[in-house]
Amino acid sequence: MPGYLTTHVLDTARGCPAEGLRITLARIEGDSRRVIKEMVTNADGRTDAPILPEAEFETGTYELVFAVGDYLDACGAAPESPRFLDEVPLRFGMSEDDHYHVPLLVSPFGYSTYRGS
C-alpha cells in the first residue's frame, strides 16, 4: 500500500471538531526545516484531502504545526496574554509506506496525540 498522511483535530474543551484550524507541514532533514504546505481543517476537524497524499509521500522526519492559539482566539476562548498554548509542533517519523494518521486533541491548557489508524 502506498503511504499517505492524514490528521484531524478535536477540541476536547468544547467537545467538538476543531474547524478552521491552520496546519503547516514541514519536512525535516538534519538541521533544515522545509515547509511543504499549509491546510485548514473543515467542519469535521479534518483536512479536505490527505496532508501528504500518496503521490507526494516519502518516508522521513516531518513536523506538523497546529495554530492552536489562533483557533482559540477565533472560538472566543477566554483571552490570555500570552496564551498557554499557541503553536503546537509535533515532530514524528514515517519509516514505511503506510497510512500515518496523526491526530491532535486540544484544549486551552493541554493536548495529546498518538499514531491513529
PDB file of N, CA and C in Angstrom:
ATOM      1  N   MET A   1       0.845  -1.182   0.000  1.00  0.00           N
ATOM      2  CA  MET A   1       0.000   0.000   0.000  1.00  0.00           C
ATOM      3  C   MET A   1       0.887   1.241   0.000  1.00  0.00           C
ATOM      4  N   PRO A   2       0.625   2.179  -0.887  1.00  0.00           N
ATOM      5  CA  PRO A   2       1.384   3.431  -0.869  1.00  0.00           C
ATOM      6  C   PRO A   2       1.101   4.213   0.417  1.00  0.00           C
ATOM      7  N   GLY A   3       2.073   4.993   0.850  1.00  0.00           N
ATOM      8  CA  GLY A   3       1.905   5.757   2.072  1.00  0.00           C
ATOM      9  C   GLY A   3       1.161   7.060   1.849  1.00  0.00           C
ATOM     10  N   TYR A   4       0.583   7.585   2.922  1.00  0.00           N
ATOM     11  CA  TYR A   4      -0.013   8.915   2.915  1.00  0.00           C
ATOM     12  C   TYR A   4      -0.202   9.364   4.359  1.00  0.00           C
ATOM     13  N   LEU A   5      -0.434  10.661   4.543  1.00  0.00           N
ATOM     14  CA  LEU A   5      -0.534  11.254   5.878  1.00  0.00           C
ATOM     15  C   LEU A   5      -1.843  12.003   6.024  1.00  0.00           C
ATOM     16  N   THR A   6      -2.545  11.729   7.126  1.00  0.00           N
ATOM     17  CA  THR A   6      -3.779  12.444   7.454  1.00  0.00           C
ATOM     18  C   THR A   6      -3.729  12.909   8.904  1.00  0.00           C
ATOM     19  N   THR A   7      -4.653  13.801   9.248  1.00  0.00           N
ATOM     20  CA  THR A   7      -4.794  14.260  10.626  1.00  0.00           C
ATOM     21  C   THR A   7      -6.236  14.653  10.877  1.00  0.00           C
ATOM     22  N   HIS A   8      -6.565  14.845  12.108  1.00  0.00           N
ATOM     23  CA  HIS A   8      -7.789  15.541  12.490  1.00  0.00           C
ATOM     24  C   HIS A   8      -7.535  16.171  13.849  1.00  0.00           C
ATOM     25  N   VAL A   9      -8.332  17.198  14.150  1.00  0.00           N
ATOM     26  CA  VAL A   9      -8.156  17.931  15.401  1.00  0.00           C
ATOM     27  C   VAL A   9      -9.492  17.982  16.118  1.00  0.00           C
ATOM     28  N   LEU A  10      -9.469  17.564  17.376  1.00  0.00           N
ATOM     29  CA  LEU A  10     -10.667  17.603  18.204  1.00  0.00           C
ATOM     30  C   LEU A  10     -10.461  18.588  19.354  1.00  0.00           C
ATOM     31  N   ASP A  11     -11.440  19.430  19.579  1.00  0.00           N
ATOM     32  CA  ASP A  11     -11.430  20.402  20.664  1.00  0.00           C
ATOM     33  C   ASP A  11     -12.060  19.711  21.873  1.00  0.00           C
ATOM     34  N   THR A  12     -11.234  19.230  22.788  1.00  0.00           N
ATOM     35  CA  THR A  12     -11.749  18.463  23.923  1.00  0.00           C
ATOM     36  C   THR A  12     -12.435  19.345  24.964  1.00  0.00           C
ATOM     37  N   ALA A  13     -12.136  20.627  24.987  1.00  0.00           N
ATOM     38  CA  ALA A  13     -12.790  21.527  25.938  1.00  0.00           C
ATOM     39  C   ALA A  13     -14.235  21.803  25.530  1.00  0.00           C
ATOM     40  N   ARG A  14     -14.461  21.909  24.232  1.00  0.00           N
ATOM     41  CA  ARG A  14     -15.800  22.200  23.725  1.00  0.00           C
ATOM     42  C   ARG A  14     -16.534  20.943  23.278  1.00  0.00           C
ATOM     43  N   GLY A  15     -15.809  19.829  23.163  1.00  0.00           N
ATOM     44  CA  GLY A  15     -16.422  18.571  22.764  1.00  0.00           C
ATOM     45  C   GLY A  15     -16.856  18.536  21.312  1.00  0.00           C
ATOM     46  N   CYS A  16     -16.009  19.074  20.427  1.00  0.00           N
ATOM     47  CA  CYS A  16     -16.373  19.125  19.011  1.00  0.00           C
ATOM     48  C   CYS A  16     -15.112  19.126  18.141  1.00  0.00           C
ATOM     49  N   PRO A  17     -15.288  18.899  16.832  1.00  0.00           N
ATOM     50  CA  PRO A  17     -14.139  19.027  15.932  1.00  0.00           C
ATOM     51  C   PRO A  17     -13.647  20.475  15.915  1.00  0.00           C
ATOM     52  N   ALA A  18     -12.359  20.645  15.693  1.00  0.00           N
ATOM     53  CA  ALA A  18     -11.756  21.984  15.644  1.00  0.00           C
ATOM     54  C   ALA A  18     -11.777  22.487  14.203  1.00  0.00           C
ATOM     55  N   GLU A  19     -12.832  23.185  13.854  1.00  0.00           N
ATOM     56  CA  GLU A  19     -12.990  23.705  12.493  1.00  0.00           C
ATOM     57  C   GLU A  19     -12.207  25.003  12.322  1.00  0.00           C
ATOM     58  N   GLY A  20     -11.547  25.159  11.174  1.00  0.00           N
ATOM     59  CA  GLY A  20     -10.848  26.402  10.848  1.00  0.00           C
ATOM     60  C   GLY A  20      -9.457  26.514  11.447  1.00  0.00           C
ATOM     61  N   LEU A  21      -8.886  25.406  11.878  1.00  0.00           N
ATOM     62  CA  LEU A  21      -7.552  25.428  12.484  1.00  0.00           C
ATOM     63  C   LEU A  21      -6.490  25.237  11.387  1.00  0.00           C
ATOM     64  N   ARG A  22      -5.540  26.160  11.312  1.00  0.00           N
ATOM     65  CA  ARG A  22      -4.480  26.119  10.298  1.00  0.00           C
ATOM     66  C   ARG A  22      -3.398  25.137  10.721  1.00  0.00           C
ATOM     67  N   ILE A  23      -2.950  24.317   9.754  1.00  0.00           N
ATOM     68  CA  ILE A  23      -1.912  23.312   9.988  1.00  0.00           C
ATOM     69  C   ILE A  23      -0.827  23.500   8.937  1.00  0.00           C
ATOM     70  N   THR A  24       0.418  23.491   9.378  1.00  0.00           N
ATOM     71  CA  THR A  24       1.563  23.573   8.473  1.00  0.00           C
ATOM     72  C   THR A  24       2.329  22.260   8.547  1.00  0.00           C
ATOM     73  N   LEU A  25       2.730  21.738   7.386  1.00  0.00           N
ATOM     74  CA  LEU A  25       3.550  20.529   7.317  1.00  0.00           C
ATOM     75  C   LEU A  25       4.928  20.896   6.801  1.00  0.00           C
ATOM     76  N   ALA A  26       5.959  20.445   7.524  1.00  0.00           N
ATOM     77  CA  ALA A  26       7.342  20.664   7.100  1.00  0.00           C
ATOM     78  C   ALA A  26       8.087  19.337   7.086  1.00  0.00           C
ATOM     79  N   ARG A  27       9.052  19.239   6.192  1.00  0.00           N
ATOM     80  CA  ARG A  27       9.956  18.079   6.151  1.00  0.00           C
ATOM     81  C   ARG A  27      11.244  18.485   6.850  1.00  0.00           C
ATOM     82  N   ILE A  28      11.756  17.611   7.706  1.00  0.00           N
ATOM     83  CA  ILE A  28      12.968  17.870   8.474  1.00  0.00           C
ATOM     84  C   ILE A  28      14.096  17.018   7.898  1.00  0.00           C
ATOM     85  N   GLU A  29      15.194  17.674   7.556  1.00  0.00           N
ATOM     86  CA  GLU A  29      16.379  16.962   7.063  1.00  0.00           C
ATOM     87  C   GLU A  29      17.593  17.567   7.752  1.00  0.00           C
ATOM     88  N   GLY A  30      18.130  16.848   8.732  1.00  0.00           N
ATOM     89  CA  GLY A  30      19.238  17.390   9.527  1.00  0.00           C
ATOM     90  C   GLY A  30      18.773  18.601  10.295  1.00  0.00           C
ATOM     91  N   ASP A  31      19.468  19.724  10.115  1.00  0.00           N
ATOM     92  CA  ASP A  31      19.085  20.976  10.770  1.00  0.00           C
ATOM     93  C   ASP A  31      18.142  21.810   9.908  1.00  0.00           C
ATOM     94  N   SER A  32      17.771  21.284   8.759  1.00  0.00           N
ATOM     95  CA  SER A  32      16.936  22.018   7.808  1.00  0.00           C
ATOM     96  C   SER A  32      15.461  21.673   8.003  1.00  0.00           C
ATOM     97  N   ARG A  33      14.627  22.698   7.900  1.00  0.00           N
ATOM     98  CA  ARG A  33      13.173  22.543   8.018  1.00  0.00           C
ATOM     99  C   ARG A  33      12.555  23.216   6.801  1.00  0.00           C
ATOM    100  N   ARG A  34      11.918  22.409   5.927  1.00  0.00           N
ATOM    101  CA  ARG A  34      11.334  22.938   4.690  1.00  0.00           C
ATOM    102  C   ARG A  34       9.816  22.782   4.745  1.00  0.00           C
ATOM    103  N   VAL A  35       9.102  23.920   4.717  1.00  0.00           N
ATOM    104  CA  VAL A  35       7.640  23.887   4.736  1.00  0.00           C
ATOM    105  C   VAL A  35       7.153  23.346   3.394  1.00  0.00           C
ATOM    106  N   ILE A  36       6.273  22.356   3.463  1.00  0.00           N
ATOM    107  CA  ILE A  36       5.734  21.722   2.267  1.00  0.00           C
ATOM    108  C   ILE A  36       4.378  22.296   1.910  1.00  0.00           C
ATOM    109  N   LYS A  37       3.503  22.473   2.914  1.00  0.00           N
ATOM    110  CA  LYS A  37       2.170  23.006   2.632  1.00  0.00           C
ATOM    111  C   LYS A  37       1.476  23.458   3.896  1.00  0.00           C
ATOM    112  N   GLU A  38       0.405  24.216   3.682  1.00  0.00           N
ATOM    113  CA  GLU A  38      -0.492  24.636   4.759  1.00  0.00           C
ATOM    114  C   GLU A  38      -1.898  24.239   4.375  1.00  0.00           C
ATOM    115  N   MET A  39      -2.675  23.846   5.369  1.00  0.00           N
ATOM    116  CA  MET A  39      -4.073  23.484   5.158  1.00  0.00           C
ATOM    117  C   MET A  39      -4.885  23.981   6.345  1.00  0.00           C
ATOM    118  N   VAL A  40      -6.211  23.967   6.193  1.00  0.00           N
ATOM    119  CA  VAL A  40      -7.118  24.379   7.263  1.00  0.00           C
ATOM    120  C   VAL A  40      -8.142  23.267   7.456  1.00  0.00           C
ATOM    121  N   THR A  41      -8.478  22.998   8.713  1.00  0.00           N
ATOM    122  CA  THR A  41      -9.444  21.940   8.996  1.00  0.00           C
ATOM    123  C   THR A  41     -10.859  22.356   8.595  1.00  0.00           C
ATOM    124  N   ASN A  42     -11.633  21.356   8.208  1.00  0.00           N
ATOM    125  CA  ASN A  42     -13.029  21.582   7.812  1.00  0.00           C
ATOM    126  C   ASN A  42     -13.956  21.403   9.025  1.00  0.00           C
ATOM    127  N   ALA A  43     -15.251  21.343   8.768  1.00  0.00           N
ATOM    128  CA  ALA A  43     -16.236  21.241   9.850  1.00  0.00           C
ATOM    129  C   ALA A  43     -16.102  19.956  10.660  1.00  0.00           C
ATOM    130  N   ASP A  44     -15.444  18.943  10.095  1.00  0.00           N
ATOM    131  CA  ASP A  44     -15.231  17.675  10.794  1.00  0.00           C
ATOM    132  C   ASP A  44     -13.881  17.657  11.519  1.00  0.00           C
ATOM    133  N   GLY A  45     -13.145  18.784  11.485  1.00  0.00           N
ATOM    134  CA  GLY A  45     -11.835  18.853  12.129  1.00  0.00           C
ATOM    135  C   GLY A  45     -10.745  18.152  11.328  1.00  0.00           C
ATOM    136  N   ARG A  46     -11.031  17.830  10.076  1.00  0.00           N
ATOM    137  CA  ARG A  46     -10.084  17.148   9.201  1.00  0.00           C
ATOM    138  C   ARG A  46      -9.721  18.057   8.037  1.00  0.00           C
ATOM    139  N   THR A  47      -8.675  17.708   7.315  1.00  0.00           N
ATOM    140  CA  THR A  47      -8.369  18.429   6.092  1.00  0.00           C
ATOM    141  C   THR A  47      -9.179  17.790   4.966  1.00  0.00           C
ATOM    142  N   ASP A  48      -9.503  18.553   3.942  1.00  0.00           N
ATOM    143  CA  ASP A  48     -10.337  18.048   2.850  1.00  0.00           C
ATOM    144  C   ASP A  48      -9.662  16.939   2.049  1.00  0.00           C
ATOM    145  N   ALA A  49      -8.344  16.914   2.075  1.00  0.00           N
ATOM    146  CA  ALA A  49      -7.565  15.892   1.371  1.00  0.00           C
ATOM    147  C   ALA A  49      -6.430  15.481   2.297  1.00  0.00           C
ATOM    148  N   PRO A  50      -5.783  14.337   2.029  1.00  0.00           N
ATOM    149  CA  PRO A  50      -4.628  13.979   2.855  1.00  0.00           C
ATOM    150  C   PRO A  50      -3.604  15.112   2.873  1.00  0.00           C
ATOM    151  N   ILE A  51      -2.984  15.323   4.003  1.00  0.00           N
ATOM    152  CA  ILE A  51      -1.948  16.354   4.105  1.00  0.00           C
ATOM    153  C   ILE A  51      -0.785  16.013   3.188  1.00  0.00           C
ATOM    154  N   LEU A  52      -0.442  14.756   3.160  1.00  0.00           N
ATOM    155  CA  LEU A  52       0.603  14.267   2.265  1.00  0.00           C
ATOM    156  C   LEU A  52      -0.003  13.090   1.499  1.00  0.00           C
ATOM    157  N   PRO A  53      -0.480  13.336   0.272  1.00  0.00           N
ATOM    158  CA  PRO A  53      -1.116  12.261  -0.484  1.00  0.00           C
ATOM    159  C   PRO A  53      -0.095  11.252  -1.009  1.00  0.00           C
ATOM    160  N   GLU A  54      -0.600  10.129  -1.499  1.00  0.00           N
ATOM    161  CA  GLU A  54       0.261   9.049  -1.989  1.00  0.00           C
ATOM    162  C   GLU A  54       1.306   9.534  -2.985  1.00  0.00           C
ATOM    163  N   ALA A  55       0.919  10.400  -3.908  1.00  0.00           N
ATOM    164  CA  ALA A  55       1.835  10.861  -4.961  1.00  0.00           C
ATOM    165  C   ALA A  55       2.995  11.691  -4.418  1.00  0.00           C
ATOM    166  N   GLU A  56       2.848  12.265  -3.224  1.00  0.00           N
ATOM    167  CA  GLU A  56       3.887  13.122  -2.637  1.00  0.00           C
ATOM    168  C   GLU A  56       4.572  12.472  -1.438  1.00  0.00           C
ATOM    169  N   PHE A  57       4.137  11.279  -1.068  1.00  0.00           N
ATOM    170  CA  PHE A  57       4.636  10.645   0.151  1.00  0.00           C
ATOM    171  C   PHE A  57       6.091  10.198   0.016  1.00  0.00           C
ATOM    172  N   GLU A  58       6.869  10.503   1.033  1.00  0.00           N
ATOM    173  CA  GLU A  58       8.236   9.994   1.188  1.00  0.00           C
ATOM    174  C   GLU A  58       8.442   9.700   2.662  1.00  0.00           C
ATOM    175  N   THR A  59       9.155   8.613   2.953  1.00  0.00           N
ATOM    176  CA  THR A  59       9.492   8.360   4.351  1.00  0.00           C
ATOM    177  C   THR A  59      10.435   9.450   4.825  1.00  0.00           C
ATOM    178  N   GLY A  60      10.535   9.617   6.128  1.00  0.00           N
ATOM    179  CA  GLY A  60      11.426  10.630   6.684  1.00  0.00           C
ATOM    180  C   GLY A  60      10.832  11.250   7.928  1.00  0.00           C
ATOM    181  N   THR A  61      11.448  12.338   8.345  1.00  0.00           N
ATOM    182  CA  THR A  61      11.022  13.064   9.532  1.00  0.00           C
ATOM    183  C   THR A  61      10.232  14.293   9.112  1.00  0.00           C
ATOM    184  N   TYR A  62       9.113  14.496   9.779  1.00  0.00           N
ATOM    185  CA  TYR A  62       8.209  15.599   9.441  1.00  0.00           C
ATOM    186  C   TYR A  62       7.780  16.320  10.715  1.00  0.00           C
ATOM    187  N   GLU A  63       7.198  17.494  10.504  1.00  0.00           N
ATOM    188  CA  GLU A  63       6.654  18.260  11.617  1.00  0.00           C
ATOM    189  C   GLU A  63       5.325  18.873  11.196  1.00  0.00           C
ATOM    190  N   LEU A  64       4.299  18.610  11.970  1.00  0.00           N
ATOM    191  CA  LEU A  64       3.021  19.299  11.828  1.00  0.00           C
ATOM    192  C   LEU A  64       2.986  20.398  12.885  1.00  0.00           C
ATOM    193  N   VAL A  65       2.621  21.603  12.476  1.00  0.00           N
ATOM    194  CA  VAL A  65       2.466  22.707  13.428  1.00  0.00           C
ATOM    195  C   VAL A  65       1.007  23.147  13.371  1.00  0.00           C
ATOM    196  N   PHE A  66       0.347  23.035  14.507  1.00  0.00           N
ATOM    197  CA  PHE A  66      -1.069  23.365  14.627  1.00  0.00           C
ATOM    198  C   PHE A  66      -1.197  24.764  15.245  1.00  0.00           C
ATOM    199  N   ALA A  67      -1.900  25.667  14.581  1.00  0.00           N
ATOM    200  CA  ALA A  67      -2.073  27.048  15.050  1.00  0.00           C
ATOM    201  C   ALA A  67      -3.215  27.101  16.069  1.00  0.00           C
ATOM    202  N   VAL A  68      -2.953  26.552  17.236  1.00  0.00           N
ATOM    203  CA  VAL A  68      -3.970  26.419  18.281  1.00  0.00           C
ATOM    204  C   VAL A  68      -4.370  27.779  18.847  1.00  0.00           C
ATOM    205  N   GLY A  69      -3.428  28.669  19.062  1.00  0.00           N
ATOM    206  CA  GLY A  69      -3.741  29.989  19.623  1.00  0.00           C
ATOM    207  C   GLY A  69      -4.709  30.758  18.752  1.00  0.00           C
ATOM    208  N   ASP A  70      -4.464  30.779  17.445  1.00  0.00           N
ATOM    209  CA  ASP A  70      -5.377  31.468  16.521  1.00  0.00           C
ATOM    210  C   ASP A  70      -6.768  30.831  16.558  1.00  0.00           C
ATOM    211  N   TYR A  71      -6.797  29.499  16.613  1.00  0.00           N
ATOM    212  CA  TYR A  71      -8.076  28.790  16.690  1.00  0.00           C
ATOM    213  C   TYR A  71      -8.824  29.173  17.967  1.00  0.00           C
ATOM    214  N   LEU A  72      -8.138  29.176  19.103  1.00  0.00           N
ATOM    215  CA  LEU A  72      -8.780  29.525  20.373  1.00  0.00           C
ATOM    216  C   LEU A  72      -9.294  30.958  20.352  1.00  0.00           C
ATOM    217  N   ASP A  73      -8.517  31.867  19.769  1.00  0.00           N
ATOM    218  CA  ASP A  73      -8.975  33.254  19.635  1.00  0.00           C
ATOM    219  C   ASP A  73     -10.266  33.322  18.821  1.00  0.00           C
ATOM    220  N   ALA A  74     -10.293  32.598  17.689  1.00  0.00           N
ATOM    221  CA  ALA A  74     -11.464  32.619  16.807  1.00  0.00           C
ATOM    222  C   ALA A  74     -12.694  32.011  17.469  1.00  0.00           C
ATOM    223  N   CYS A  75     -12.466  31.068  18.391  1.00  0.00           N
ATOM    224  CA  CYS A  75     -13.589  30.411  19.092  1.00  0.00           C
ATOM    225  C   CYS A  75     -14.096  31.223  20.268  1.00  0.00           C
ATOM    226  N   GLY A  76     -13.391  32.271  20.621  1.00  0.00           N
ATOM    227  CA  GLY A  76     -13.804  33.087  21.754  1.00  0.00           C
ATOM    228  C   GLY A  76     -13.381  32.535  23.096  1.00  0.00           C
ATOM    229  N   ALA A  77     -12.362  31.662  23.093  1.00  0.00           N
ATOM    230  CA  ALA A  77     -11.833  31.153  24.369  1.00  0.00           C
ATOM    231  C   ALA A  77     -11.315  32.330  25.184  1.00  0.00           C
ATOM    232  N   ALA A  78     -11.441  32.251  26.490  1.00  0.00           N
ATOM    233  CA  ALA A  78     -11.004  33.343  27.360  1.00  0.00           C
ATOM    234  C   ALA A  78      -9.581  33.769  26.988  1.00  0.00           C
ATOM    235  N   PRO A  79      -9.385  35.058  26.721  1.00  0.00           N
ATOM    236  CA  PRO A  79      -8.063  35.520  26.278  1.00  0.00           C
ATOM    237  C   PRO A  79      -7.035  35.486  27.399  1.00  0.00           C
ATOM    238  N   GLU A  80      -5.820  35.198  27.015  1.00  0.00           N
ATOM    239  CA  GLU A  80      -4.661  35.246  27.905  1.00  0.00           C
ATOM    240  C   GLU A  80      -3.576  35.988  27.154  1.00  0.00           C
ATOM    241  N   SER A  81      -2.642  36.551  27.863  1.00  0.00           N
ATOM    242  CA  SER A  81      -1.525  37.218  27.199  1.00  0.00           C
ATOM    243  C   SER A  81      -0.244  36.899  27.942  1.00  0.00           C
ATOM    244  N   PRO A  82       0.574  36.032  27.416  1.00  0.00           N
ATOM    245  CA  PRO A  82       0.364  35.241  26.194  1.00  0.00           C
ATOM    246  C   PRO A  82      -0.470  33.996  26.491  1.00  0.00           C
ATOM    247  N   ARG A  83      -0.969  33.397  25.434  1.00  0.00           N
ATOM    248  CA  ARG A  83      -1.727  32.142  25.576  1.00  0.00           C
ATOM    249  C   ARG A  83      -0.796  31.045  26.066  1.00  0.00           C
ATOM    250  N   PHE A  84      -1.329  30.148  26.891  1.00  0.00           N
ATOM    251  CA  PHE A  84      -0.547  28.999  27.345  1.00  0.00           C
ATOM    252  C   PHE A  84      -0.111  28.156  26.150  1.00  0.00           C
ATOM    253  N   LEU A  85      -1.044  27.846  25.250  1.00  0.00           N
ATOM    254  CA  LEU A  85      -0.721  27.133  24.007  1.00  0.00           C
ATOM    255  C   LEU A  85      -0.934  28.073  22.843  1.00  0.00           C
ATOM    256  N   ASP A  86       0.067  28.160  21.982  1.00  0.00           N
ATOM    257  CA  ASP A  86      -0.055  28.968  20.774  1.00  0.00           C
ATOM    258  C   ASP A  86       0.113  28.037  19.581  1.00  0.00           C
ATOM    259  N   GLU A  87       1.328  27.870  19.120  1.00  0.00           N
ATOM    260  CA  GLU A  87       1.591  26.897  18.060  1.00  0.00           C
ATOM    261  C   GLU A  87       2.037  25.586  18.704  1.00  0.00           C
ATOM    262  N   VAL A  88       1.415  24.491  18.283  1.00  0.00           N
ATOM    263  CA  VAL A  88       1.746  23.173  18.823  1.00  0.00           C
ATOM    264  C   VAL A  88       2.473  22.381  17.742  1.00  0.00           C
ATOM    265  N   PRO A  89       3.794  22.174  17.903  1.00  0.00           N
ATOM    266  CA  PRO A  89       4.544  21.393  16.915  1.00  0.00           C
ATOM    267  C   PRO A  89       4.592  19.917  17.304  1.00  0.00           C
ATOM    268  N   LEU A  90       4.384  19.061  16.318  1.00  0.00           N
ATOM    269  CA  LEU A  90       4.517  17.615  16.518  1.00  0.00           C
ATOM    270  C   LEU A  90       5.529  17.106  15.506  1.00  0.00           C
ATOM    271  N   ARG A  91       6.670  16.656  15.969  1.00  0.00           N
ATOM    272  CA  ARG A  91       7.707  16.113  15.089  1.00  0.00           C
ATOM    273  C   ARG A  91       7.645  14.593  15.182  1.00  0.00           C
ATOM    274  N   PHE A  92       7.626  13.933  14.040  1.00  0.00           N
ATOM    275  CA  PHE A  92       7.445  12.482  14.000  1.00  0.00           C
ATOM    276  C   PHE A  92       8.128  11.909  12.766  1.00  0.00           C
ATOM    277  N   GLY A  93       8.355  10.614  12.795  1.00  0.00           N
ATOM    278  CA  GLY A  93       8.975   9.933  11.675  1.00  0.00           C
ATOM    279  C   GLY A  93       8.015   8.984  10.997  1.00  0.00           C
ATOM    280  N   MET A  94       8.167   8.868   9.683  1.00  0.00           N
ATOM    281  CA  MET A  94       7.408   7.894   8.902  1.00  0.00           C
ATOM    282  C   MET A  94       8.442   6.997   8.226  1.00  0.00           C
ATOM    283  N   SER A  95       8.488   5.739   8.650  1.00  0.00           N
ATOM    284  CA  SER A  95       9.575   4.851   8.249  1.00  0.00           C
ATOM    285  C   SER A  95       9.194   3.831   7.189  1.00  0.00           C
ATOM    286  N   GLU A  96       7.909   3.781   6.824  1.00  0.00           N
ATOM    287  CA  GLU A  96       7.492   2.797   5.823  1.00  0.00           C
ATOM    288  C   GLU A  96       6.321   3.339   5.020  1.00  0.00           C
ATOM    289  N   ASP A  97       6.094   2.777   3.845  1.00  0.00           N
ATOM    290  CA  ASP A  97       4.950   3.160   3.027  1.00  0.00           C
ATOM    291  C   ASP A  97       3.695   2.615   3.690  1.00  0.00           C
ATOM    292  N   ASP A  98       2.964   3.498   4.356  1.00  0.00           N
ATOM    293  CA  ASP A  98       1.793   3.104   5.119  1.00  0.00           C
ATOM    294  C   ASP A  98       0.942   4.345   5.341  1.00  0.00           C
ATOM    295  N   HIS A  99      -0.253   4.160   5.866  1.00  0.00           N
ATOM    296  CA  HIS A  99      -1.098   5.288   6.246  1.00  0.00           C
ATOM    297  C   HIS A  99      -0.683   5.751   7.635  1.00  0.00           C
ATOM    298  N   TYR A 100      -0.231   6.975   7.739  1.00  0.00           N
ATOM    299  CA  TYR A 100       0.082   7.596   9.023  1.00  0.00           C
ATOM    300  C   TYR A 100      -1.017   8.601   9.321  1.00  0.00           C
ATOM    301  N   HIS A 101      -1.656   8.438  10.464  1.00  0.00           N
ATOM    302  CA  HIS A 101      -2.703   9.354  10.910  1.00  0.00           C
ATOM    303  C   HIS A 101      -2.233   9.951  12.225  1.00  0.00           C
ATOM    304  N   VAL A 102      -2.059  11.267  12.252  1.00  0.00           N
ATOM    305  CA  VAL A 102      -1.507  11.955  13.423  1.00  0.00           C
ATOM    306  C   VAL A 102      -2.534  12.976  13.904  1.00  0.00           C
ATOM    307  N   PRO A 103      -3.438  12.570  14.791  1.00  0.00           N
ATOM    308  CA  PRO A 103      -4.457  13.483  15.288  1.00  0.00           C
ATOM    309  C   PRO A 103      -3.959  14.332  16.467  1.00  0.00           C
ATOM    310  N   LEU A 104      -4.692  15.406  16.709  1.00  0.00           N
ATOM    311  CA  LEU A 104      -4.407  16.268  17.859  1.00  0.00           C
ATOM    312  C   LEU A 104      -5.702  16.465  18.634  1.00  0.00           C
ATOM    313  N   LEU A 105      -5.644  16.205  19.930  1.00  0.00           N
ATOM    314  CA  LEU A 105      -6.750  16.506  20.837  1.00  0.00           C
ATOM    315  C   LEU A 105      -6.287  17.696  21.661  1.00  0.00           C
ATOM    316  N   VAL A 106      -7.054  18.775  21.642  1.00  0.00           N
ATOM    317  CA  VAL A 106      -6.550  20.020  22.217  1.00  0.00           C
ATOM    318  C   VAL A 106      -7.606  20.720  23.073  1.00  0.00           C
ATOM    319  N   SER A 107      -7.121  21.423  24.091  1.00  0.00           N
ATOM    320  CA  SER A 107      -7.918  22.334  24.903  1.00  0.00           C
ATOM    321  C   SER A 107      -7.024  23.549  25.161  1.00  0.00           C
ATOM    322  N   PRO A 108      -7.526  24.597  25.783  1.00  0.00           N
ATOM    323  CA  PRO A 108      -6.667  25.758  26.021  1.00  0.00           C
ATOM    324  C   PRO A 108      -5.436  25.467  26.887  1.00  0.00           C
ATOM    325  N   PHE A 109      -5.459  24.369  27.652  1.00  0.00           N
ATOM    326  CA  PHE A 109      -4.362  24.135  28.592  1.00  0.00           C
ATOM    327  C   PHE A 109      -3.684  22.781  28.443  1.00  0.00           C
ATOM    328  N   GLY A 110      -3.929  22.082  27.350  1.00  0.00           N
ATOM    329  CA  GLY A 110      -3.254  20.800  27.157  1.00  0.00           C
ATOM    330  C   GLY A 110      -3.599  20.189  25.806  1.00  0.00           C
ATOM    331  N   TYR A 111      -2.777  19.219  25.420  1.00  0.00           N
ATOM    332  CA  TYR A 111      -3.031  18.490  24.182  1.00  0.00           C
ATOM    333  C   TYR A 111      -2.438  17.098  24.276  1.00  0.00           C
ATOM    334  N   SER A 112      -2.894  16.217  23.395  1.00  0.00           N
ATOM    335  CA  SER A 112      -2.300  14.890  23.270  1.00  0.00           C
ATOM    336  C   SER A 112      -2.401  14.468  21.814  1.00  0.00           C
ATOM    337  N   THR A 113      -1.596  13.466  21.490  1.00  0.00           N
ATOM    338  CA  THR A 113      -1.568  12.932  20.137  1.00  0.00           C
ATOM    339  C   THR A 113      -1.219  11.457  20.212  1.00  0.00           C
ATOM    340  N   TYR A 114      -1.313  10.784  19.099  1.00  0.00           N
ATOM    341  CA  TYR A 114      -0.991   9.369  19.005  1.00  0.00           C
ATOM    342  C   TYR A 114      -0.928   9.004  17.536  1.00  0.00           C
ATOM    343  N   ARG A 115      -0.418   7.842  17.213  1.00  0.00           N
ATOM    344  CA  ARG A 115      -0.499   7.368  15.834  1.00  0.00           C
ATOM    345  C   ARG A 115      -1.812   6.628  15.686  1.00  0.00           C
ATOM    346  N   GLY A 116      -2.706   7.216  14.934  1.00  0.00           N
ATOM    347  CA  GLY A 116      -4.026   6.641  14.748  1.00  0.00           C
ATOM    348  C   GLY A 116      -4.080   5.714  13.554  1.00  0.00           C
ATOM    349  N   SER A 117      -5.300   5.371  13.192  1.00  0.00           N
ATOM    350  CA  SER A 117      -5.489   4.475  12.043  1.00  0.00           C
ATOM    351  C   SER A 117      -6.460   5.085  11.052  1.00  0.00           C
TER     352      SER A 117
END
